[in-house]
Amino acid sequence: MNHRIFAPHKDLASFVACYWTLESPKENTPQINTIVPDGRMKMIFHYGAPYKRYTDNGDSFALPKCFVIGQLTQPLDVEPVGATGTFFVCFHPYGFLPFATMPIKEMENTAVPLEELFGEEGAVLGREVLQASTTTERIKLAETFLFKQLADTQTIDHIVKSTVDTILTANGQLSVDELSRQTNINRRQLVRKFSSTIGLSPKQLSKTIRLQAALKMLLNEKVTSLISLAYEGEYYDQAHFIKDFKEFTGLTPKEFYGDHLKMSLIFDRMD
């Protein structure tokens, strides 16, 4: 598998975290990939083979070639039907709101086709990105589109941005009450702002970021045991850690530790 990360234009950096590409022949790609929630919405273009998405009961259906995936609150199982060639626009947790044409919360765990979000402009963007022959061309097309969408839109809520930055710095280890105190805004108002801006509550985002930090330690082999991993993540106890781990990955830490290939290709080293 070959993946590369690219920085956005400086004037889009407040919204876009990075661009990311993944290319792989089918024989080198795990049959089923588990996409782990990471708190970021993504605009995804499959210029290679399309992907199938599996439901909880084992059924599957084809994903669109070009879509935005809403915030994930559970693991998502997908399977390539051929060689992978995928271009991602990865937004900051609060970064997609200025481009949204429907409520963020309604997109949760859903792949929304570009034409459904942006009409004919979205359909044209999808066709042009799929036809582009280089990542540089795809980035230029995406940025031209995003700049146009930003022409007259709202700015990012500074309270939400500040709180998200605090969550990221603390690796998700602060309580909602502590976040509310630090931002000097009452808990209920903070939850409402997060729901409309990000599509997740502060608690959901914190749990996601906290688990992502634990996953990265595990992938980078920076811990010697699962007990020490729970300790490093400041989980209340090992049972709490295992519960959160399985909620977001569909696997226990032991199962994950024994089979890295089951984990998300999208999650892997996107920072």
Protein backbone atom coordinates (compact mmCIF):
# COMPACT_ATOMS: atom_id res chain seq x y z
CA MET A 1 0.00 0.00 0.00
CA ASN A 2 1.21 3.45 -0.87
CA HIS A 3 -0.21 6.46 0.95
CA ARG A 4 0.92 10.09 0.88
CA ILE A 5 -0.15 13.22 2.75
CA PHE A 6 -0.26 16.75 1.30
CA ALA A 7 -0.75 20.10 3.05
CA PRO A 8 -3.61 22.40 1.99
CA HIS A 9 -3.32 25.95 0.71
CA LYS A 10 -2.63 28.29 3.64
CA ASP A 11 -5.98 30.03 3.15
CA LEU A 12 -7.79 26.70 3.50
CA ALA A 13 -5.73 25.40 6.40
CA SER A 14 -8.32 26.57 8.95
CA PHE A 15 -10.79 24.12 7.41
CA VAL A 16 -8.77 21.38 5.71
CA ALA A 17 -6.34 19.28 7.77
CA CYS A 18 -4.69 17.61 4.79
CA TYR A 19 -5.12 15.82 1.48
CA TRP A 20 -4.37 12.15 1.46
CA THR A 21 -3.98 9.52 -1.22
CA LEU A 22 -4.05 5.74 -1.01
CA GLU A 23 -3.09 3.44 -3.85
CA SER A 24 -2.83 -0.32 -3.68
CA PRO A 25 -3.27 -3.34 -5.95
CA LYS A 26 -6.17 -5.49 -4.81
CA GLU A 27 -3.92 -8.37 -3.74
CA ASN A 28 -2.11 -6.06 -1.26
CA THR A 29 -5.28 -4.66 0.29
CA PRO A 30 -7.06 -6.38 3.20
CA GLN A 31 -10.29 -7.93 1.96
CA ILE A 32 -12.35 -5.96 4.47
CA ASN A 33 -11.05 -2.72 6.00
CA THR A 34 -12.43 -1.38 9.27
CA ILE A 35 -12.59 2.40 9.20
CA VAL A 36 -12.17 3.72 12.74
CA PRO A 37 -13.83 7.02 13.79
CA ASP A 38 -11.28 9.84 14.02
CA GLY A 39 -13.45 12.96 14.42
CA ARG A 40 -12.85 14.20 10.87
CA MET A 41 -15.30 14.37 8.00
CA LYS A 42 -13.81 13.54 4.60
CA MET A 43 -14.55 14.21 0.96
CA ILE A 44 -13.62 10.98 -0.81
CA PHE A 45 -12.98 10.26 -4.49
CA HIS A 46 -12.46 6.64 -5.61
CA TYR A 47 -10.58 7.04 -8.90
CA GLY A 48 -9.62 3.38 -8.67
CA ALA A 49 -12.10 0.59 -8.13
CA PRO A 50 -15.24 1.37 -6.11
CA TYR A 51 -15.78 0.13 -2.57
CA LYS A 52 -18.56 -1.85 -0.93
CA ARG A 53 -19.89 -1.02 2.53
CA TYR A 54 -21.06 -3.75 4.90
CA THR A 55 -24.03 -3.39 7.22
CA ASP A 56 -24.29 -4.81 10.73
CA ASN A 57 -26.14 -7.89 9.46
CA GLY A 58 -23.46 -8.69 6.87
CA ASP A 59 -25.23 -7.30 3.80
CA SER A 60 -23.28 -4.97 1.50
CA PHE A 61 -23.96 -2.20 -0.99
CA ALA A 62 -21.84 -0.12 -3.35
CA LEU A 63 -20.53 3.21 -2.10
CA PRO A 64 -20.66 6.21 -4.45
CA LYS A 65 -17.46 6.98 -6.36
CA CYS A 66 -17.44 10.54 -4.93
CA PHE A 67 -18.98 11.43 -1.58
CA VAL A 68 -18.59 13.08 1.81
CA ILE A 69 -18.56 10.72 4.78
CA GLY A 70 -20.22 12.19 7.86
CA GLN A 71 -18.88 11.86 11.36
CA LEU A 72 -18.48 8.22 12.35
CA THR A 73 -19.64 7.09 15.77
CA GLN A 74 -18.99 3.40 15.09
CA PRO A 75 -16.58 1.29 13.03
CA LEU A 76 -17.30 1.12 9.31
CA ASP A 77 -16.47 -2.01 7.31
CA VAL A 78 -15.66 -1.53 3.61
CA GLU A 79 -14.17 -3.69 0.88
CA PRO A 80 -12.45 -2.74 -2.39
CA VAL A 81 -13.68 -4.59 -5.48
CA GLY A 82 -10.41 -4.01 -7.33
CA ALA A 83 -7.21 -1.95 -7.21
CA THR A 84 -7.49 0.97 -4.79
CA GLY A 85 -6.93 4.55 -5.92
CA THR A 86 -8.46 7.06 -3.51
CA PHE A 87 -8.09 10.80 -2.94
CA PHE A 88 -9.28 12.27 0.37
CA VAL A 89 -9.92 15.83 1.48
CA CYS A 90 -9.65 15.53 5.27
CA PHE A 91 -11.32 18.32 7.22
CA HIS A 92 -10.61 19.47 10.76
CA PRO A 93 -13.34 18.36 13.20
CA TYR A 94 -15.01 21.77 12.78
CA GLY A 95 -13.83 22.32 9.20
CA PHE A 96 -16.65 21.00 7.02
CA LEU A 97 -19.44 23.22 8.40
CA PRO A 98 -18.74 26.20 6.08
CA PHE A 99 -19.21 23.87 3.08
CA ALA A 100 -22.23 21.94 4.35
CA THR A 101 -25.53 22.24 2.50
CA MET A 102 -27.43 20.06 4.97
CA PRO A 103 -27.28 19.72 8.78
CA ILE A 104 -24.00 18.08 9.83
CA LYS A 105 -25.80 15.85 12.32
CA GLU A 106 -27.94 14.32 9.55
CA MET A 107 -24.78 13.08 7.81
CA GLU A 108 -23.66 10.94 10.75
CA ASN A 109 -22.35 7.51 9.66
CA THR A 110 -23.54 8.26 6.11
CA ALA A 111 -21.81 8.55 2.71
CA VAL A 112 -23.54 11.48 0.99
CA PRO A 113 -22.92 11.72 -2.80
CA LEU A 114 -21.38 15.03 -3.93
CA GLU A 115 -24.28 15.73 -6.29
CA GLU A 116 -26.70 15.40 -3.38
CA LEU A 117 -24.73 17.95 -1.37
CA PHE A 118 -23.71 20.39 -4.12
CA GLY A 119 -25.95 19.67 -7.11
CA GLU A 120 -24.43 19.89 -10.58
CA GLU A 121 -21.29 21.60 -9.24
CA GLY A 122 -20.64 18.56 -7.07
CA ALA A 123 -21.23 16.19 -9.97
CA VAL A 124 -18.78 18.16 -12.16
CA LEU A 125 -16.14 18.17 -9.41
CA GLY A 126 -16.48 14.41 -9.05
CA ARG A 127 -16.09 13.76 -12.77
CA GLU A 128 -13.07 16.07 -13.07
CA VAL A 129 -11.25 14.62 -10.06
CA LEU A 130 -11.84 11.05 -11.27
CA GLN A 131 -10.50 11.97 -14.72
CA ALA A 132 -7.41 13.79 -13.39
CA SER A 133 -4.14 11.97 -13.91
CA THR A 134 -2.12 13.34 -10.96
CA THR A 135 -2.61 14.20 -7.29
CA THR A 136 -1.52 17.78 -8.04
CA GLU A 137 -4.41 18.13 -10.49
CA ARG A 138 -6.87 16.64 -7.99
CA ILE A 139 -5.74 19.02 -5.25
CA LYS A 140 -6.08 22.01 -7.58
CA LEU A 141 -9.61 20.96 -8.59
CA ALA A 142 -10.64 20.41 -4.97
CA GLU A 143 -9.19 23.72 -3.78
CA THR A 144 -10.79 25.70 -6.59
CA PHE A 145 -14.13 24.18 -5.63
CA LEU A 146 -13.67 24.81 -1.90
CA PHE A 147 -12.59 28.42 -2.40
CA LYS A 148 -15.71 29.01 -4.49
CA GLN A 149 -17.90 27.51 -1.79
CA LEU A 150 -16.28 29.83 0.78
CA ALA A 151 -17.19 32.98 -1.16
CA ASP A 152 -20.00 33.94 1.22
CA THR A 153 -20.15 31.59 4.13
CA GLN A 154 -19.96 31.70 7.89
CA THR A 155 -16.70 31.63 9.81
CA ILE A 156 -15.71 28.96 12.29
CA ASP A 157 -17.13 29.40 15.80
CA HIS A 158 -14.09 30.42 17.86
CA ILE A 159 -15.42 28.71 20.99
CA VAL A 160 -15.79 25.40 19.16
CA LYS A 161 -12.35 25.73 17.55
CA SER A 162 -10.72 26.59 20.87
CA THR A 163 -12.43 23.66 22.60
CA VAL A 164 -11.45 21.23 19.84
CA ASP A 165 -7.85 22.42 20.06
CA THR A 166 -7.95 21.81 23.82
CA ILE A 167 -9.36 18.30 23.31
CA LEU A 168 -6.62 17.49 20.80
CA THR A 169 -3.86 18.86 23.03
CA ALA A 170 -5.16 16.84 25.99
CA ASN A 171 -5.61 13.68 23.85
CA GLY A 172 -9.29 13.66 24.81
CA GLN A 173 -8.60 13.20 28.51
CA LEU A 174 -10.56 16.20 29.85
CA SER A 175 -14.16 15.90 31.05
CA VAL A 176 -16.93 17.95 29.45
CA ASP A 177 -17.30 19.89 32.72
CA GLU A 178 -13.59 20.81 32.60
CA LEU A 179 -13.91 21.85 28.94
CA SER A 180 -16.94 23.96 29.83
CA ARG A 181 -15.02 25.62 32.65
CA GLN A 182 -11.98 26.35 30.49
CA THR A 183 -14.06 27.93 27.71
CA ASN A 184 -16.30 29.80 30.17
CA ILE A 185 -19.49 28.53 28.52
CA ASN A 186 -22.16 26.38 30.14
CA ARG A 187 -22.18 22.69 29.36
CA ARG A 188 -25.54 22.61 27.58
CA GLN A 189 -24.61 25.45 25.25
CA LEU A 190 -21.26 23.85 24.47
CA VAL A 191 -22.97 20.56 23.58
CA ARG A 192 -25.41 22.38 21.27
CA LYS A 193 -22.58 24.22 19.52
CA PHE A 194 -20.65 20.98 18.99
CA SER A 195 -23.68 19.13 17.66
CA SER A 196 -24.43 21.77 15.01
CA THR A 197 -20.80 22.53 14.10
CA ILE A 198 -19.10 19.14 14.28
CA GLY A 199 -21.90 16.59 14.42
CA LEU A 200 -20.51 15.09 17.63
CA SER A 201 -20.85 16.04 21.28
CA PRO A 202 -17.73 17.15 23.19
CA LYS A 203 -17.81 13.79 24.98
CA GLN A 204 -18.01 11.82 21.70
CA LEU A 205 -15.14 13.77 20.16
CA SER A 206 -13.05 13.41 23.31
CA LYS A 207 -13.60 9.63 23.37
CA THR A 208 -12.66 9.45 19.68
CA ILE A 209 -9.46 11.46 20.10
CA ARG A 210 -8.52 9.57 23.25
CA LEU A 211 -8.85 6.23 21.50
CA GLN A 212 -6.96 7.49 18.45
CA ALA A 213 -4.05 8.40 20.75
CA ALA A 214 -4.13 4.88 22.22
CA LEU A 215 -4.27 3.30 18.75
CA LYS A 216 -1.23 5.26 17.62
CA MET A 217 0.73 4.17 20.68
CA LEU A 218 -0.25 0.58 19.93
CA LEU A 219 0.63 0.82 16.23
CA ASN A 220 3.94 2.48 17.02
CA GLU A 221 4.69 -0.16 19.68
CA LYS A 222 5.23 2.48 22.35
CA VAL A 223 3.61 0.35 25.06
CA THR A 224 4.63 -3.01 26.46
CA SER A 225 1.19 -4.32 27.42
CA LEU A 226 -2.51 -3.58 27.06
CA ILE A 227 -2.67 -2.75 30.77
CA SER A 228 0.01 -0.08 30.35
CA LEU A 229 -1.85 1.22 27.26
CA ALA A 230 -5.01 1.74 29.33
CA TYR A 231 -2.87 3.41 32.00
CA GLU A 232 -1.16 5.73 29.48
CA GLY A 233 -4.58 6.72 28.13
CA GLU A 234 -5.75 7.53 31.69
CA TYR A 235 -8.78 5.27 31.40
CA TYR A 236 -10.62 4.63 34.66
CA ASP A 237 -9.78 0.93 34.46
CA GLN A 238 -9.00 -1.76 31.91
CA ALA A 239 -12.69 -2.67 31.48
CA HIS A 240 -13.48 0.95 30.56
CA PHE A 241 -10.65 0.94 28.04
CA ILE A 242 -11.79 -2.33 26.43
CA LYS A 243 -15.40 -1.07 26.21
CA ASP A 244 -14.40 2.15 24.41
CA PHE A 245 -11.93 0.29 22.20
CA LYS A 246 -14.54 -2.16 20.97
CA GLU A 247 -17.16 0.58 20.52
CA PHE A 248 -14.94 2.40 18.01
CA THR A 249 -13.07 -0.47 16.35
CA GLY A 250 -15.39 -3.46 16.59
CA LEU A 251 -12.47 -5.39 18.13
CA THR A 252 -11.02 -5.92 21.57
CA PRO A 253 -7.48 -4.54 22.09
CA LYS A 254 -6.17 -8.13 22.08
CA GLU A 255 -7.85 -8.85 18.74
CA PHE A 256 -6.46 -5.65 17.28
CA TYR A 257 -3.00 -6.34 18.59
CA GLY A 258 -3.06 -9.71 16.86
CA ASP A 259 -4.26 -8.49 13.47
CA HIS A 260 -3.24 -4.96 12.46
CA LEU A 261 -4.56 -5.50 8.94
CA LYS A 262 -8.13 -5.37 10.17
CA MET A 263 -7.68 -1.75 11.12
CA SER A 264 -8.42 1.39 9.16
CA LEU A 265 -6.32 2.39 6.19
CA ILE A 266 -7.79 5.88 6.48
CA PHE A 267 -6.81 6.19 10.13
CA ASP A 268 -3.19 5.17 9.64
CA ARG A 269 -0.82 8.11 10.19
CA MET A 270 -2.98 10.89 8.81
CA ASP A 271 -1.50 13.55 11.11
